[in-house]
Protein backbone atom coordinates (compact mmCIF):
# COMPACT_ATOMS: atom_id res chain seq x y z
CA MET A 1 91.58 122.77 108.26
CA ASP A 2 88.39 121.66 109.95
CA GLY A 3 85.31 123.52 111.15
CA VAL A 4 82.48 125.30 109.33
CA PHE A 5 84.22 124.80 106.02
CA GLY A 6 84.71 121.07 106.44
CA ARG A 7 88.02 119.31 106.02
CA HIS A 8 90.30 120.85 103.39
CA ASN A 9 93.49 119.13 102.54
CA VAL A 10 95.93 118.01 99.92
CA ASP A 11 95.85 114.37 98.88
CA SER A 12 99.37 113.71 100.13
CA VAL A 13 98.86 109.94 100.07
CA GLN A 14 98.07 109.89 96.35
CA ALA A 15 100.75 112.46 95.57
CA MET A 16 103.40 110.26 97.18
CA ILE A 17 102.05 107.16 95.41
CA ASP A 18 102.33 109.08 92.13
CA LEU A 19 105.89 110.14 92.96
CA VAL A 20 106.91 106.55 93.73
CA GLY A 21 105.21 105.50 90.48
CA LEU A 22 107.24 108.07 88.58
CA LEU A 23 110.43 106.62 90.08
CA ALA A 24 109.31 103.10 89.13
CA GLU A 25 108.56 104.22 85.55
CA ARG A 26 112.13 105.52 85.31
CA GLY A 27 113.54 102.16 86.38
CA HIS A 28 114.18 102.76 90.08
CA ARG A 29 113.59 99.54 92.03
CA ARG A 30 115.49 100.19 95.28
CA LEU A 31 114.33 103.24 97.22
CA ALA A 32 115.26 104.86 100.49
CA PHE A 33 112.83 107.08 102.39
CA LEU A 34 113.91 109.80 104.79
CA GLY A 35 111.05 110.86 107.02
CA MET A 36 110.67 112.97 110.14
CA SER A 37 109.50 111.83 113.55
CA ALA A 38 107.01 114.67 114.10
CA GLU A 39 103.48 113.35 114.52
CA LEU A 40 101.87 115.61 111.95
CA PRO A 41 99.03 114.30 109.79
CA TRP A 42 100.53 115.42 106.49
CA LEU A 43 103.85 113.75 107.26
CA ARG A 44 102.00 110.58 108.27
CA HIS A 45 100.00 110.71 105.01
CA ARG A 46 103.14 111.11 102.92
CA THR A 47 104.77 108.14 104.67
CA GLU A 48 101.62 106.08 104.12
CA GLY A 49 101.64 107.05 100.43
CA PHE A 50 105.29 106.05 100.11
CA ARG A 51 104.64 102.64 101.64
CA THR A 52 101.55 102.10 99.49
CA GLY A 53 103.48 103.06 96.34
CA VAL A 54 106.33 100.70 97.20
CA ARG A 55 103.86 97.82 97.60
CA ARG A 56 101.89 98.73 94.49
CA PHE A 57 104.96 98.92 92.25
CA LYS A 58 106.69 95.97 93.96
CA LEU A 59 109.79 97.93 94.94
CA VAL A 60 112.35 97.40 97.69
CA ALA A 61 112.60 100.20 100.24
CA HIS A 62 114.27 101.12 103.49
CA GLU A 63 113.12 103.90 105.79
CA ALA A 64 114.67 106.13 108.42
CA THR A 65 113.82 109.40 110.16
CA ALA A 66 115.78 112.51 111.04
CA ASP A 67 114.74 115.84 112.48
CA GLU A 68 117.86 118.02 112.50
CA PRO A 69 120.03 118.89 109.47
CA GLU A 70 123.24 117.28 110.78
CA GLU A 71 121.34 114.17 111.85
CA ALA A 72 119.67 114.02 108.43
CA VAL A 73 123.07 113.98 106.70
CA ASP A 74 124.23 111.06 108.86
CA VAL A 75 120.97 109.12 108.48
CA ALA A 76 120.89 109.68 104.70
CA ARG A 77 124.50 108.50 104.42
CA THR A 78 123.56 105.32 106.31
CA LEU A 79 120.66 104.73 103.90
CA LEU A 80 122.93 105.33 100.89
CA ARG A 81 125.51 102.82 102.16
CA ARG A 82 123.02 99.94 102.09
CA GLN A 83 123.93 97.15 99.70
CA PRO A 84 122.64 97.06 97.12
CA ARG A 85 122.57 100.84 97.19
CA PRO A 86 119.22 102.55 96.62
CA SER A 87 118.95 104.36 93.31
CA ALA A 88 116.54 106.96 94.71
CA LEU A 89 116.16 108.82 97.99
CA VAL A 90 112.60 110.01 98.67
CA LEU A 91 112.24 112.82 101.21
CA VAL A 92 109.10 113.40 103.23
CA ASP A 93 109.70 117.16 102.92
CA ASP A 94 111.91 119.52 100.92
CA TRP A 95 113.32 120.73 104.24
CA LEU A 96 115.53 117.61 104.21
CA ALA A 97 116.90 118.20 100.70
CA PRO A 98 120.07 120.17 101.54
CA SER A 99 121.05 117.42 104.00
CA ALA A 100 120.28 114.71 101.43
CA TYR A 101 122.39 116.48 98.79
CA ALA A 102 125.25 116.81 101.29
CA ALA A 103 124.98 113.10 102.12
CA ALA A 104 125.07 112.13 98.45
CA GLN A 105 128.13 114.30 97.87
CA ALA A 106 129.86 112.84 100.96
CA GLU A 107 129.23 109.35 99.53
CA GLY A 108 130.69 110.35 96.16
CA LEU A 109 127.32 110.24 94.38
CA ALA A 110 126.17 112.78 91.82
CA VAL A 111 122.52 113.76 92.35
CA GLY A 112 120.62 113.39 89.10
CA VAL A 113 123.22 110.97 87.71
CA ASP A 114 124.07 108.29 90.30
CA LEU A 115 121.12 108.99 92.58
CA ALA A 116 117.63 110.42 92.23
CA ILE A 117 116.40 112.62 95.08
CA THR A 118 112.79 113.73 95.40
CA GLY A 119 111.10 116.02 97.90
CA PHE A 120 107.66 117.25 98.82
CA ASN A 121 106.34 120.86 99.04
CA ASP A 122 108.15 122.65 96.18
CA MET A 123 109.78 125.13 98.53
CA PRO A 124 111.31 128.12 96.68
CA TYR A 125 114.86 126.88 97.26
CA ALA A 126 114.07 123.54 95.54
CA ARG A 127 114.77 125.22 92.18
CA LEU A 128 118.06 126.64 93.47
CA LEU A 129 119.62 123.34 94.51
CA GLN A 130 122.10 121.89 92.04
CA PRO A 131 120.64 120.03 90.33
CA PRO A 132 117.14 121.44 90.96
CA LEU A 133 114.99 119.17 93.13
CA THR A 134 112.15 117.03 91.77
CA THR A 135 109.31 117.55 94.23
CA VAL A 136 105.56 117.71 94.74
CA ARG A 137 103.86 121.10 94.45
CA LEU A 138 100.98 121.73 96.82
CA PRO A 139 97.86 123.25 95.21
CA LEU A 140 97.87 126.29 97.50
CA ARG A 141 96.07 128.58 95.05
CA ARG A 142 93.28 126.04 94.48
CA LEU A 143 92.98 125.47 98.23
CA ALA A 144 92.72 129.22 98.89
CA ASP A 145 90.16 129.63 96.08
CA ALA A 146 88.06 126.79 97.50
CA LEU A 147 88.12 128.28 100.99
CA VAL A 148 87.13 131.74 99.73
CA SER A 149 84.36 130.23 97.60
CA ARG A 150 82.99 128.32 100.58
CA LEU A 151 83.17 131.40 102.79
CA LEU A 152 81.24 133.41 100.20
CA GLN A 153 78.65 130.64 99.93
CA LEU A 154 78.20 130.73 103.70
CA ILE A 155 77.87 134.52 103.76
CA GLU A 156 75.67 134.95 100.68
CA GLU A 157 73.47 131.87 100.92
CA GLN A 158 73.64 131.27 104.67
CA VAL A 159 74.15 127.61 103.83
CA ALA A 160 77.04 125.56 105.12
CA PRO A 161 79.06 124.20 102.18
CA GLU A 162 79.36 120.47 101.65
CA ALA A 163 81.91 118.87 103.94
CA GLY A 164 85.48 118.27 102.93
CA LEU A 165 87.66 118.83 99.94
CA LEU A 166 90.69 116.76 98.98
CA LEU A 167 92.84 118.37 96.28
CA PRO A 168 95.46 116.61 94.16
CA ALA A 169 99.09 117.73 94.27
CA GLU A 170 101.33 117.94 91.24
CA PRO A 171 104.76 116.34 90.76
CA ILE A 172 107.35 118.80 89.46
CA VAL A 173 110.08 116.90 87.62
CA ARG A 174 113.49 118.55 87.67
CA ALA A 175 117.07 117.42 87.10
CA SER A 176 117.44 115.53 90.42
CA LEU A 177 115.48 112.69 88.80
CA PRO A 178 117.51 110.82 86.18
């Protein structure tokens, strides 16, 4: 969000770097990344964070994009057939998770055992997937609090708040990450 309140955002780049670091800490060295082709800043930031994390932790990665659920299953299956097979599939958004789980199952892989899958957004259904999806939770409450605080400062003090706010996101580790 831009305007009177300055730029308010989630540090998606750092959140994705942290997620890749978590995978590296758990021994994952070959990653696959399933992105989306939409030119949205937050998707671009997540992709940038993934690439930065892969370089920082000296990992091997392959990337692809998909925008529709059926396409995402096919693209994820192609990524999972690479040799050597990736041990983790990183999704740019939780929206792709059902397709990624279907792809893993179609390839005979057990999520959380043979393959780690991670998402981004902590959508409500992420906890309902089997196994529940490891993902990144956006700090929506903190973002809302900051916006209200800045609005009150503008109203009460008639002073424009300082520009910009970049909030950290939090990885939520669940059973999809062995």
